[in-house]
């Protein structure tokens, strides 16, 4: 991952198969760091969850929880209760992966 504190965007390579078929391991990603708030509309974000980086779909639920899902159905969903949201940090939203994402 490239971290430039003066840039609003960062670039990184995806690793793993949890977001297939949308994002494949080795794909180049561009992340917009200014998009660090998750809404009820959701989106694909780079997150730091409990000290580890992930690229996942993240969506805020009406009751204050956050749902983290993979596009690969071999992986289960994670629901983070509002009391544990301090373990989740949104790095930014994926805006490009070889093709426009939004």
PDB file of N, CA and C in Angstrom:
ATOM      1  N   UNK A   1       0.848  -1.166   0.000  1.00  0.00           N
ATOM      2  CA  UNK A   1       0.000   0.000   0.000  1.00  0.00           C
ATOM      3  C   UNK A   1       0.896   1.231   0.000  1.00  0.00           C
ATOM      4  N   UNK A   2       0.512   2.243  -0.755  1.00  0.00           N
ATOM      5  CA  UNK A   2       1.218   3.501  -0.769  1.00  0.00           C
ATOM      6  C   UNK A   2       0.477   4.491   0.127  1.00  0.00           C
ATOM      7  N   UNK A   3       1.155   4.995   1.141  1.00  0.00           N
ATOM      8  CA  UNK A   3       0.538   5.968   2.045  1.00  0.00           C
ATOM      9  C   UNK A   3       1.251   7.296   1.902  1.00  0.00           C
ATOM     10  N   UNK A   4       0.583   8.249   1.312  1.00  0.00           N
ATOM     11  CA  UNK A   4       1.107   9.605   1.156  1.00  0.00           C
ATOM     12  C   UNK A   4       0.140  10.530   1.864  1.00  0.00           C
ATOM     13  N   UNK A   5       0.566  11.094   2.974  1.00  0.00           N
ATOM     14  CA  UNK A   5      -0.346  11.898   3.787  1.00  0.00           C
ATOM     15  C   UNK A   5      -0.849  13.139   3.055  1.00  0.00           C
ATOM     16  N   UNK A   6      -0.188  13.544   1.967  1.00  0.00           N
ATOM     17  CA  UNK A   6      -0.613  14.722   1.223  1.00  0.00           C
ATOM     18  C   UNK A   6      -1.605  14.388   0.108  1.00  0.00           C
ATOM     19  N   UNK A   7      -1.794  13.129  -0.164  1.00  0.00           N
ATOM     20  CA  UNK A   7      -2.672  12.716  -1.248  1.00  0.00           C
ATOM     21  C   UNK A   7      -4.013  12.254  -0.704  1.00  0.00           C
ATOM     22  N   UNK A   8      -5.060  12.508  -1.471  1.00  0.00           N
ATOM     23  CA  UNK A   8      -6.375  12.022  -1.046  1.00  0.00           C
ATOM     24  C   UNK A   8      -6.572  10.572  -1.462  1.00  0.00           C
ATOM     25  N   UNK A   9      -5.803  10.100  -2.454  1.00  0.00           N
ATOM     26  CA  UNK A   9      -5.913   8.729  -2.944  1.00  0.00           C
ATOM     27  C   UNK A   9      -4.693   7.912  -2.555  1.00  0.00           C
ATOM     28  N   UNK A  10      -4.911   6.622  -2.371  1.00  0.00           N
ATOM     29  CA  UNK A  10      -3.811   5.686  -2.176  1.00  0.00           C
ATOM     30  C   UNK A  10      -4.026   4.525  -3.131  1.00  0.00           C
ATOM     31  N   UNK A  11      -2.958   3.829  -3.446  1.00  0.00           N
ATOM     32  CA  UNK A  11      -3.031   2.665  -4.329  1.00  0.00           C
ATOM     33  C   UNK A  11      -2.505   1.451  -3.586  1.00  0.00           C
ATOM     34  N   UNK A  12      -3.095   0.309  -3.904  1.00  0.00           N
ATOM     35  CA  UNK A  12      -2.641  -0.934  -3.291  1.00  0.00           C
ATOM     36  C   UNK A  12      -3.034  -2.089  -4.192  1.00  0.00           C
ATOM     37  N   UNK A  13      -2.491  -3.250  -3.906  1.00  0.00           N
ATOM     38  CA  UNK A  13      -2.861  -4.471  -4.606  1.00  0.00           C
ATOM     39  C   UNK A  13      -3.751  -5.307  -3.691  1.00  0.00           C
ATOM     40  N   UNK A  14      -4.784  -5.891  -4.267  1.00  0.00           N
ATOM     41  CA  UNK A  14      -5.654  -6.789  -3.510  1.00  0.00           C
ATOM     42  C   UNK A  14      -4.926  -8.111  -3.294  1.00  0.00           C
ATOM     43  N   UNK A  15      -5.216  -8.726  -2.158  1.00  0.00           N
ATOM     44  CA  UNK A  15      -4.641 -10.032  -1.863  1.00  0.00           C
ATOM     45  C   UNK A  15      -5.736 -10.915  -1.277  1.00  0.00           C
ATOM     46  N   UNK A  16      -5.880 -12.103  -1.803  1.00  0.00           N
ATOM     47  CA  UNK A  16      -6.894 -13.029  -1.326  1.00  0.00           C
ATOM     48  C   UNK A  16      -8.089 -13.095  -2.260  1.00  0.00           C
ATOM     49  N   UNK A  17      -9.005 -14.021  -1.954  1.00  0.00           N
ATOM     50  CA  UNK A  17     -10.125 -14.274  -2.851  1.00  0.00           C
ATOM     51  C   UNK A  17     -11.482 -13.888  -2.262  1.00  0.00           C
ATOM     52  N   UNK A  18     -11.504 -13.180  -1.152  1.00  0.00           N
ATOM     53  CA  UNK A  18     -12.778 -12.902  -0.488  1.00  0.00           C
ATOM     54  C   UNK A  18     -13.706 -11.985  -1.281  1.00  0.00           C
ATOM     55  N   UNK A  19     -13.177 -11.195  -2.209  1.00  0.00           N
ATOM     56  CA  UNK A  19     -14.025 -10.285  -2.982  1.00  0.00           C
ATOM     57  C   UNK A  19     -14.245 -10.746  -4.429  1.00  0.00           C
ATOM     58  N   UNK A  20     -13.814 -11.969  -4.744  1.00  0.00           N
ATOM     59  CA  UNK A  20     -14.086 -12.499  -6.085  1.00  0.00           C
ATOM     60  C   UNK A  20     -15.567 -12.789  -6.237  1.00  0.00           C
ATOM     61  N   UNK A  21     -16.171 -12.494  -7.370  1.00  0.00           N
ATOM     62  CA  UNK A  21     -15.586 -12.176  -8.658  1.00  0.00           C
ATOM     63  C   UNK A  21     -15.426 -10.677  -8.947  1.00  0.00           C
ATOM     64  N   UNK A  22     -15.681  -9.815  -7.985  1.00  0.00           N
ATOM     65  CA  UNK A  22     -15.572  -8.365  -8.222  1.00  0.00           C
ATOM     66  C   UNK A  22     -14.122  -7.915  -8.262  1.00  0.00           C
ATOM     67  N   UNK A  23     -13.338  -8.345  -7.289  1.00  0.00           N
ATOM     68  CA  UNK A  23     -11.921  -7.993  -7.178  1.00  0.00           C
ATOM     69  C   UNK A  23     -11.141  -9.284  -7.001  1.00  0.00           C
ATOM     70  N   UNK A  24     -10.114  -9.473  -7.833  1.00  0.00           N
ATOM     71  CA  UNK A  24      -9.289 -10.674  -7.765  1.00  0.00           C
ATOM     72  C   UNK A  24      -7.956 -10.364  -7.089  1.00  0.00           C
ATOM     73  N   UNK A  25      -7.391 -11.383  -6.474  1.00  0.00           N
ATOM     74  CA  UNK A  25      -6.082 -11.238  -5.855  1.00  0.00           C
ATOM     75  C   UNK A  25      -5.090 -10.730  -6.897  1.00  0.00           C
ATOM     76  N   UNK A  26      -4.339  -9.693  -6.555  1.00  0.00           N
ATOM     77  CA  UNK A  26      -3.388  -9.088  -7.476  1.00  0.00           C
ATOM     78  C   UNK A  26      -3.931  -7.885  -8.224  1.00  0.00           C
ATOM     79  N   UNK A  27      -5.243  -7.644  -8.171  1.00  0.00           N
ATOM     80  CA  UNK A  27      -5.804  -6.465  -8.828  1.00  0.00           C
ATOM     81  C   UNK A  27      -5.250  -5.191  -8.195  1.00  0.00           C
ATOM     82  N   UNK A  28      -5.037  -4.178  -9.018  1.00  0.00           N
ATOM     83  CA  UNK A  28      -4.665  -2.859  -8.512  1.00  0.00           C
ATOM     84  C   UNK A  28      -5.921  -2.141  -8.054  1.00  0.00           C
ATOM     85  N   UNK A  29      -5.825  -1.461  -6.924  1.00  0.00           N
ATOM     86  CA  UNK A  29      -6.962  -0.723  -6.380  1.00  0.00           C
ATOM     87  C   UNK A  29      -6.566   0.718  -6.131  1.00  0.00           C
ATOM     88  N   UNK A  30      -7.500   1.624  -6.329  1.00  0.00           N
ATOM     89  CA  UNK A  30      -7.331   3.017  -5.927  1.00  0.00           C
ATOM     90  C   UNK A  30      -8.368   3.281  -4.853  1.00  0.00           C
ATOM     91  N   UNK A  31      -7.910   3.836  -3.733  1.00  0.00           N
ATOM     92  CA  UNK A  31      -8.765   4.087  -2.582  1.00  0.00           C
ATOM     93  C   UNK A  31      -8.813   5.583  -2.317  1.00  0.00           C
ATOM     94  N   UNK A  32     -10.014   6.123  -2.190  1.00  0.00           N
ATOM     95  CA  UNK A  32     -10.216   7.538  -1.870  1.00  0.00           C
ATOM     96  C   UNK A  32     -10.310   7.660  -0.347  1.00  0.00           C
ATOM     97  N   UNK A  33      -9.267   8.234   0.258  1.00  0.00           N
ATOM     98  CA  UNK A  33      -9.214   8.359   1.716  1.00  0.00           C
ATOM     99  C   UNK A  33     -10.238   9.343   2.260  1.00  0.00           C
ATOM    100  N   UNK A  34     -10.743  10.254   1.417  1.00  0.00           N
ATOM    101  CA  UNK A  34     -11.729  11.220   1.907  1.00  0.00           C
ATOM    102  C   UNK A  34     -13.089  10.569   2.121  1.00  0.00           C
ATOM    103  N   UNK A  35     -13.273   9.386   1.572  1.00  0.00           N
ATOM    104  CA  UNK A  35     -14.545   8.666   1.719  1.00  0.00           C
ATOM    105  C   UNK A  35     -14.384   7.638   2.850  1.00  0.00           C
ATOM    106  N   UNK A  36     -14.323   8.133   4.065  1.00  0.00           N
ATOM    107  CA  UNK A  36     -14.029   7.269   5.210  1.00  0.00           C
ATOM    108  C   UNK A  36     -15.212   7.119   6.158  1.00  0.00           C
ATOM    109  N   UNK A  37     -16.391   7.472   5.688  1.00  0.00           N
ATOM    110  CA  UNK A  37     -17.616   7.276   6.473  1.00  0.00           C
ATOM    111  C   UNK A  37     -18.522   6.311   5.731  1.00  0.00           C
ATOM    112  N   UNK A  38     -18.959   5.286   6.428  1.00  0.00           N
ATOM    113  CA  UNK A  38     -19.835   4.294   5.829  1.00  0.00           C
ATOM    114  C   UNK A  38     -21.280   4.724   6.019  1.00  0.00           C
ATOM    115  N   UNK A  39     -22.062   4.583   4.963  1.00  0.00           N
ATOM    116  CA  UNK A  39     -23.478   4.953   5.015  1.00  0.00           C
ATOM    117  C   UNK A  39     -24.335   3.693   4.878  1.00  0.00           C
ATOM    118  N   UNK A  40     -25.635   3.877   4.940  1.00  0.00           N
ATOM    119  CA  UNK A  40     -26.553   2.753   4.758  1.00  0.00           C
ATOM    120  C   UNK A  40     -26.550   2.255   3.317  1.00  0.00           C
ATOM    121  N   UNK A  41     -26.028   3.064   2.373  1.00  0.00           N
ATOM    122  CA  UNK A  41     -25.905   2.622   0.981  1.00  0.00           C
ATOM    123  C   UNK A  41     -24.787   1.601   0.822  1.00  0.00           C
ATOM    124  N   UNK A  42     -23.784   1.674   1.692  1.00  0.00           N
ATOM    125  CA  UNK A  42     -22.666   0.745   1.646  1.00  0.00           C
ATOM    126  C   UNK A  42     -21.735   0.999   0.485  1.00  0.00           C
ATOM    127  N   UNK A  43     -20.751   0.135   0.341  1.00  0.00           N
ATOM    128  CA  UNK A  43     -19.763   0.219  -0.716  1.00  0.00           C
ATOM    129  C   UNK A  43     -18.603  -0.697  -0.386  1.00  0.00           C
ATOM    130  N   UNK A  44     -17.607  -0.709  -1.260  1.00  0.00           N
ATOM    131  CA  UNK A  44     -16.406  -1.505  -1.024  1.00  0.00           C
ATOM    132  C   UNK A  44     -15.356  -0.579  -0.424  1.00  0.00           C
ATOM    133  N   UNK A  45     -14.852  -0.967   0.733  1.00  0.00           N
ATOM    134  CA  UNK A  45     -13.910  -0.144   1.487  1.00  0.00           C
ATOM    135  C   UNK A  45     -12.674  -0.946   1.873  1.00  0.00           C
ATOM    136  N   UNK A  46     -11.589  -0.234   2.089  1.00  0.00           N
ATOM    137  CA  UNK A  46     -10.431  -0.803   2.777  1.00  0.00           C
ATOM    138  C   UNK A  46     -10.625  -0.460   4.242  1.00  0.00           C
ATOM    139  N   UNK A  47     -10.591  -1.488   5.072  1.00  0.00           N
ATOM    140  CA  UNK A  47     -10.823  -1.291   6.496  1.00  0.00           C
ATOM    141  C   UNK A  47      -9.686  -1.888   7.305  1.00  0.00           C
ATOM    142  N   UNK A  48      -9.491  -1.331   8.466  1.00  0.00           N
ATOM    143  CA  UNK A  48      -8.612  -1.921   9.463  1.00  0.00           C
ATOM    144  C   UNK A  48      -9.541  -2.417  10.551  1.00  0.00           C
ATOM    145  N   UNK A  49      -9.644  -3.736  10.638  1.00  0.00           N
ATOM    146  CA  UNK A  49     -10.524  -4.335  11.639  1.00  0.00           C
ATOM    147  C   UNK A  49      -9.679  -5.136  12.605  1.00  0.00           C
ATOM    148  N   UNK A  50      -9.673  -4.684  13.837  1.00  0.00           N
ATOM    149  CA  UNK A  50      -8.927  -5.360  14.893  1.00  0.00           C
ATOM    150  C   UNK A  50      -7.463  -5.542  14.521  1.00  0.00           C
ATOM    151  N   UNK A  51      -6.884  -4.521  13.852  1.00  0.00           N
ATOM    152  CA  UNK A  51      -5.459  -4.520  13.532  1.00  0.00           C
ATOM    153  C   UNK A  51      -5.074  -5.131  12.205  1.00  0.00           C
ATOM    154  N   UNK A  52      -6.027  -5.617  11.407  1.00  0.00           N
ATOM    155  CA  UNK A  52      -5.722  -6.204  10.108  1.00  0.00           C
ATOM    156  C   UNK A  52      -6.440  -5.450   8.998  1.00  0.00           C
ATOM    157  N   UNK A  53      -5.791  -5.365   7.811  1.00  0.00           N
ATOM    158  CA  UNK A  53      -6.391  -4.694   6.655  1.00  0.00           C
ATOM    159  C   UNK A  53      -7.220  -5.676   5.838  1.00  0.00           C
ATOM    160  N   UNK A  54      -8.395  -5.210   5.404  1.00  0.00           N
ATOM    161  CA  UNK A  54      -9.289  -6.000   4.565  1.00  0.00           C
ATOM    162  C   UNK A  54      -9.895  -5.095   3.499  1.00  0.00           C
ATOM    163  N   UNK A  55     -10.232  -5.681   2.362  1.00  0.00           N
ATOM    164  CA  UNK A  55     -11.051  -5.031   1.345  1.00  0.00           C
ATOM    165  C   UNK A  55     -12.372  -5.779   1.358  1.00  0.00           C
ATOM    166  N   UNK A  56     -13.455  -5.090   1.758  1.00  0.00           N
ATOM    167  CA  UNK A  56     -14.748  -5.749   1.937  1.00  0.00           C
ATOM    168  C   UNK A  56     -15.883  -4.789   1.636  1.00  0.00           C
ATOM    169  N   UNK A  57     -17.058  -5.340   1.431  1.00  0.00           N
ATOM    170  CA  UNK A  57     -18.260  -4.514   1.379  1.00  0.00           C
ATOM    171  C   UNK A  57     -18.620  -4.154   2.812  1.00  0.00           C
ATOM    172  N   UNK A  58     -18.905  -2.886   3.035  1.00  0.00           N
ATOM    173  CA  UNK A  58     -19.231  -2.414   4.385  1.00  0.00           C
ATOM    174  C   UNK A  58     -20.505  -1.598   4.288  1.00  0.00           C
ATOM    175  N   UNK A  59     -21.434  -1.876   5.186  1.00  0.00           N
ATOM    176  CA  UNK A  59     -22.716  -1.160   5.173  1.00  0.00           C
ATOM    177  C   UNK A  59     -23.167  -0.896   6.599  1.00  0.00           C
ATOM    178  N   UNK A  60     -23.563   0.332   6.842  1.00  0.00           N
ATOM    179  CA  UNK A  60     -24.116   0.712   8.131  1.00  0.00           C
ATOM    180  C   UNK A  60     -25.572   0.264   8.186  1.00  0.00           C
ATOM    181  N   UNK A  61     -25.953  -0.359   9.297  1.00  0.00           N
ATOM    182  CA  UNK A  61     -27.318  -0.829   9.480  1.00  0.00           C
ATOM    183  C   UNK A  61     -28.110   0.198  10.292  1.00  0.00           C
ATOM    184  N   UNK A  62     -29.406   0.150  10.194  1.00  0.00           N
ATOM    185  CA  UNK A  62     -30.266   1.132  10.856  1.00  0.00           C
ATOM    186  C   UNK A  62     -30.120   1.128  12.375  1.00  0.00           C
ATOM    187  N   UNK A  63     -29.825  -0.002  12.964  1.00  0.00           N
ATOM    188  CA  UNK A  63     -29.746  -0.100  14.421  1.00  0.00           C
ATOM    189  C   UNK A  63     -28.350   0.164  14.969  1.00  0.00           C
ATOM    190  N   UNK A  64     -27.460   0.745  14.150  1.00  0.00           N
ATOM    191  CA  UNK A  64     -26.148   1.167  14.623  1.00  0.00           C
ATOM    192  C   UNK A  64     -25.022   0.178  14.402  1.00  0.00           C
ATOM    193  N   UNK A  65     -25.335  -1.036  13.978  1.00  0.00           N
ATOM    194  CA  UNK A  65     -24.278  -2.003  13.700  1.00  0.00           C
ATOM    195  C   UNK A  65     -23.699  -1.755  12.309  1.00  0.00           C
ATOM    196  N   UNK A  66     -22.566  -2.381  12.033  1.00  0.00           N
ATOM    197  CA  UNK A  66     -21.949  -2.320  10.719  1.00  0.00           C
ATOM    198  C   UNK A  66     -21.802  -3.752  10.224  1.00  0.00           C
ATOM    199  N   UNK A  67     -22.243  -3.990   8.982  1.00  0.00           N
ATOM    200  CA  UNK A  67     -22.147  -5.321   8.390  1.00  0.00           C
ATOM    201  C   UNK A  67     -21.007  -5.345   7.382  1.00  0.00           C
ATOM    202  N   UNK A  68     -20.142  -6.347   7.510  1.00  0.00           N
ATOM    203  CA  UNK A  68     -19.004  -6.535   6.613  1.00  0.00           C
ATOM    204  C   UNK A  68     -19.244  -7.825   5.850  1.00  0.00           C
ATOM    205  N   UNK A  69     -19.246  -7.726   4.504  1.00  0.00           N
ATOM    206  CA  UNK A  69     -19.535  -8.902   3.687  1.00  0.00           C
ATOM    207  C   UNK A  69     -18.489  -9.067   2.599  1.00  0.00           C
ATOM    208  N   UNK A  70     -18.343 -10.307   2.164  1.00  0.00           N
ATOM    209  CA  UNK A  70     -17.476 -10.661   1.048  1.00  0.00           C
ATOM    210  C   UNK A  70     -18.341 -10.967  -0.168  1.00  0.00           C
ATOM    211  N   UNK A  71     -17.816 -10.737  -1.361  1.00  0.00           N
ATOM    212  CA  UNK A  71     -18.544 -11.135  -2.563  1.00  0.00           C
ATOM    213  C   UNK A  71     -18.429 -12.641  -2.789  1.00  0.00           C
ATOM    214  N   UNK A  72     -17.355 -13.247  -2.314  1.00  0.00           N
ATOM    215  CA  UNK A  72     -17.157 -14.684  -2.399  1.00  0.00           C
ATOM    216  C   UNK A  72     -18.025 -15.345  -1.330  1.00  0.00           C
ATOM    217  N   UNK A  73     -18.990 -16.118  -1.757  1.00  0.00           N
ATOM    218  CA  UNK A  73     -19.966 -16.705  -0.832  1.00  0.00           C
ATOM    219  C   UNK A  73     -19.368 -17.782   0.071  1.00  0.00           C
ATOM    220  N   UNK A  74     -18.082 -18.128  -0.119  1.00  0.00           N
ATOM    221  CA  UNK A  74     -17.407 -19.072   0.783  1.00  0.00           C
ATOM    222  C   UNK A  74     -17.044 -18.424   2.118  1.00  0.00           C
ATOM    223  N   UNK A  75     -17.243 -17.115   2.222  1.00  0.00           N
ATOM    224  CA  UNK A  75     -16.933 -16.378   3.445  1.00  0.00           C
ATOM    225  C   UNK A  75     -18.234 -15.883   4.067  1.00  0.00           C
ATOM    226  N   UNK A  76     -18.328 -15.979   5.380  1.00  0.00           N
ATOM    227  CA  UNK A  76     -19.515 -15.508   6.082  1.00  0.00           C
ATOM    228  C   UNK A  76     -19.463 -14.017   6.353  1.00  0.00           C
ATOM    229  N   UNK A  77     -20.613 -13.468   6.678  1.00  0.00           N
ATOM    230  CA  UNK A  77     -20.724 -12.051   7.023  1.00  0.00           C
ATOM    231  C   UNK A  77     -20.259 -11.827   8.459  1.00  0.00           C
ATOM    232  N   UNK A  78     -19.819 -10.622   8.716  1.00  0.00           N
ATOM    233  CA  UNK A  78     -19.445 -10.199  10.071  1.00  0.00           C
ATOM    234  C   UNK A  78     -20.318  -9.011  10.418  1.00  0.00           C
ATOM    235  N   UNK A  79     -20.946  -9.044  11.564  1.00  0.00           N
ATOM    236  CA  UNK A  79     -21.726  -7.914  12.046  1.00  0.00           C
ATOM    237  C   UNK A  79     -21.026  -7.384  13.289  1.00  0.00           C
ATOM    238  N   UNK A  80     -20.647  -6.111  13.212  1.00  0.00           N
ATOM    239  CA  UNK A  80     -19.967  -5.476  14.341  1.00  0.00           C
ATOM    240  C   UNK A  80     -20.998  -4.662  15.114  1.00  0.00           C
ATOM    241  N   UNK A  81     -21.239  -5.020  16.376  1.00  0.00           N
ATOM    242  CA  UNK A  81     -22.193  -4.252  17.173  1.00  0.00           C
ATOM    243  C   UNK A  81     -21.676  -2.844  17.438  1.00  0.00           C
ATOM    244  N   UNK A  82     -22.585  -1.928  17.655  1.00  0.00           N
ATOM    245  CA  UNK A  82     -22.197  -0.528  17.868  1.00  0.00           C
ATOM    246  C   UNK A  82     -21.225  -0.390  19.037  1.00  0.00           C
ATOM    247  N   UNK A  83     -21.306  -1.273  20.016  1.00  0.00           N
ATOM    248  CA  UNK A  83     -20.403  -1.197  21.177  1.00  0.00           C
ATOM    249  C   UNK A  83     -18.968  -1.576  20.827  1.00  0.00           C
ATOM    250  N   UNK A  84     -18.744  -2.235  19.677  1.00  0.00           N
ATOM    251  CA  UNK A  84     -17.402  -2.664  19.276  1.00  0.00           C
ATOM    252  C   UNK A  84     -16.858  -1.901  18.073  1.00  0.00           C
ATOM    253  N   UNK A  85     -17.520  -0.814  17.678  1.00  0.00           N
ATOM    254  CA  UNK A  85     -17.079  -0.086  16.488  1.00  0.00           C
ATOM    255  C   UNK A  85     -15.692   0.536  16.644  1.00  0.00           C
ATOM    256  N   UNK A  86     -15.187   0.624  17.869  1.00  0.00           N
ATOM    257  CA  UNK A  86     -13.831   1.145  18.071  1.00  0.00           C
ATOM    258  C   UNK A  86     -12.774   0.195  17.511  1.00  0.00           C
ATOM    259  N   UNK A  87     -13.132  -1.041  17.165  1.00  0.00           N
ATOM    260  CA  UNK A  87     -12.189  -1.986  16.561  1.00  0.00           C
ATOM    261  C   UNK A  87     -12.138  -1.844  15.042  1.00  0.00           C
ATOM    262  N   UNK A  88     -12.973  -0.967  14.478  1.00  0.00           N
ATOM    263  CA  UNK A  88     -13.082  -0.781  13.034  1.00  0.00           C
ATOM    264  C   UNK A  88     -12.624   0.617  12.644  1.00  0.00           C
ATOM    265  N   UNK A  89     -11.700   0.688  11.681  1.00  0.00           N
ATOM    266  CA  UNK A  89     -11.266   1.976  11.131  1.00  0.00           C
ATOM    267  C   UNK A  89     -11.420   1.914   9.620  1.00  0.00           C
ATOM    268  N   UNK A  90     -12.133   2.876   9.067  1.00  0.00           N
ATOM    269  CA  UNK A  90     -12.331   2.951   7.622  1.00  0.00           C
ATOM    270  C   UNK A  90     -11.156   3.718   7.020  1.00  0.00           C
ATOM    271  N   UNK A  91     -10.374   3.059   6.162  1.00  0.00           N
ATOM    272  CA  UNK A  91      -9.233   3.700   5.505  1.00  0.00           C
ATOM    273  C   UNK A  91      -9.723   4.553   4.340  1.00  0.00           C
ATOM    274  N   UNK A  92     -10.660   4.026   3.561  1.00  0.00           N
ATOM    275  CA  UNK A  92     -11.209   4.748   2.419  1.00  0.00           C
ATOM    276  C   UNK A  92     -12.009   3.812   1.536  1.00  0.00           C
ATOM    277  N   UNK A  93     -12.674   4.403   0.556  1.00  0.00           N
ATOM    278  CA  UNK A  93     -13.535   3.638  -0.358  1.00  0.00           C
ATOM    279  C   UNK A  93     -12.778   3.288  -1.630  1.00  0.00           C
ATOM    280  N   UNK A  94     -12.950   2.054  -2.091  1.00  0.00           N
ATOM    281  CA  UNK A  94     -12.348   1.621  -3.351  1.00  0.00           C
ATOM    282  C   UNK A  94     -13.115   2.291  -4.487  1.00  0.00           C
ATOM    283  N   UNK A  95     -12.398   3.062  -5.307  1.00  0.00           N
ATOM    284  CA  UNK A  95     -13.045   3.779  -6.405  1.00  0.00           C
ATOM    285  C   UNK A  95     -12.611   3.267  -7.775  1.00  0.00           C
ATOM    286  N   UNK A  96     -11.613   2.385  -7.795  1.00  0.00           N
ATOM    287  CA  UNK A  96     -11.155   1.835  -9.078  1.00  0.00           C
ATOM    288  C   UNK A  96     -10.472   0.496  -8.848  1.00  0.00           C
ATOM    289  N   UNK A  97     -10.769  -0.441  -9.739  1.00  0.00           N
ATOM    290  CA  UNK A  97     -10.133  -1.751  -9.703  1.00  0.00           C
ATOM    291  C   UNK A  97     -10.038  -2.288 -11.121  1.00  0.00           C
ATOM    292  N   UNK A  98      -9.290  -1.606 -11.923  1.00  0.00           N
ATOM    293  CA  UNK A  98      -9.213  -2.015 -13.321  1.00  0.00           C
ATOM    294  C   UNK A  98     -10.426  -1.540 -14.117  1.00  0.00           C
ATOM    295  N   UNK A  99     -11.458  -1.174 -13.381  1.00  0.00           N
ATOM    296  CA  UNK A  99     -12.681  -0.615 -13.974  1.00  0.00           C
ATOM    297  C   UNK A  99     -13.339   0.255 -12.906  1.00  0.00           C
ATOM    298  N   UNK A 100     -14.130   1.245 -13.309  1.00  0.00           N
ATOM    299  CA  UNK A 100     -14.772   2.111 -12.309  1.00  0.00           C
ATOM    300  C   UNK A 100     -15.646   1.302 -11.353  1.00  0.00           C
ATOM    301  N   UNK A 101     -15.535   1.607 -10.056  1.00  0.00           N
ATOM    302  CA  UNK A 101     -16.324   0.925  -9.049  1.00  0.00           C
ATOM    303  C   UNK A 101     -17.543   1.731  -8.635  1.00  0.00           C
ATOM    304  N   UNK A 102     -17.520   3.046  -8.829  1.00  0.00           N
ATOM    305  CA  UNK A 102     -18.665   3.873  -8.471  1.00  0.00           C
ATOM    306  C   UNK A 102     -18.893   4.887  -9.584  1.00  0.00           C
TER     307      UNK A 102
END
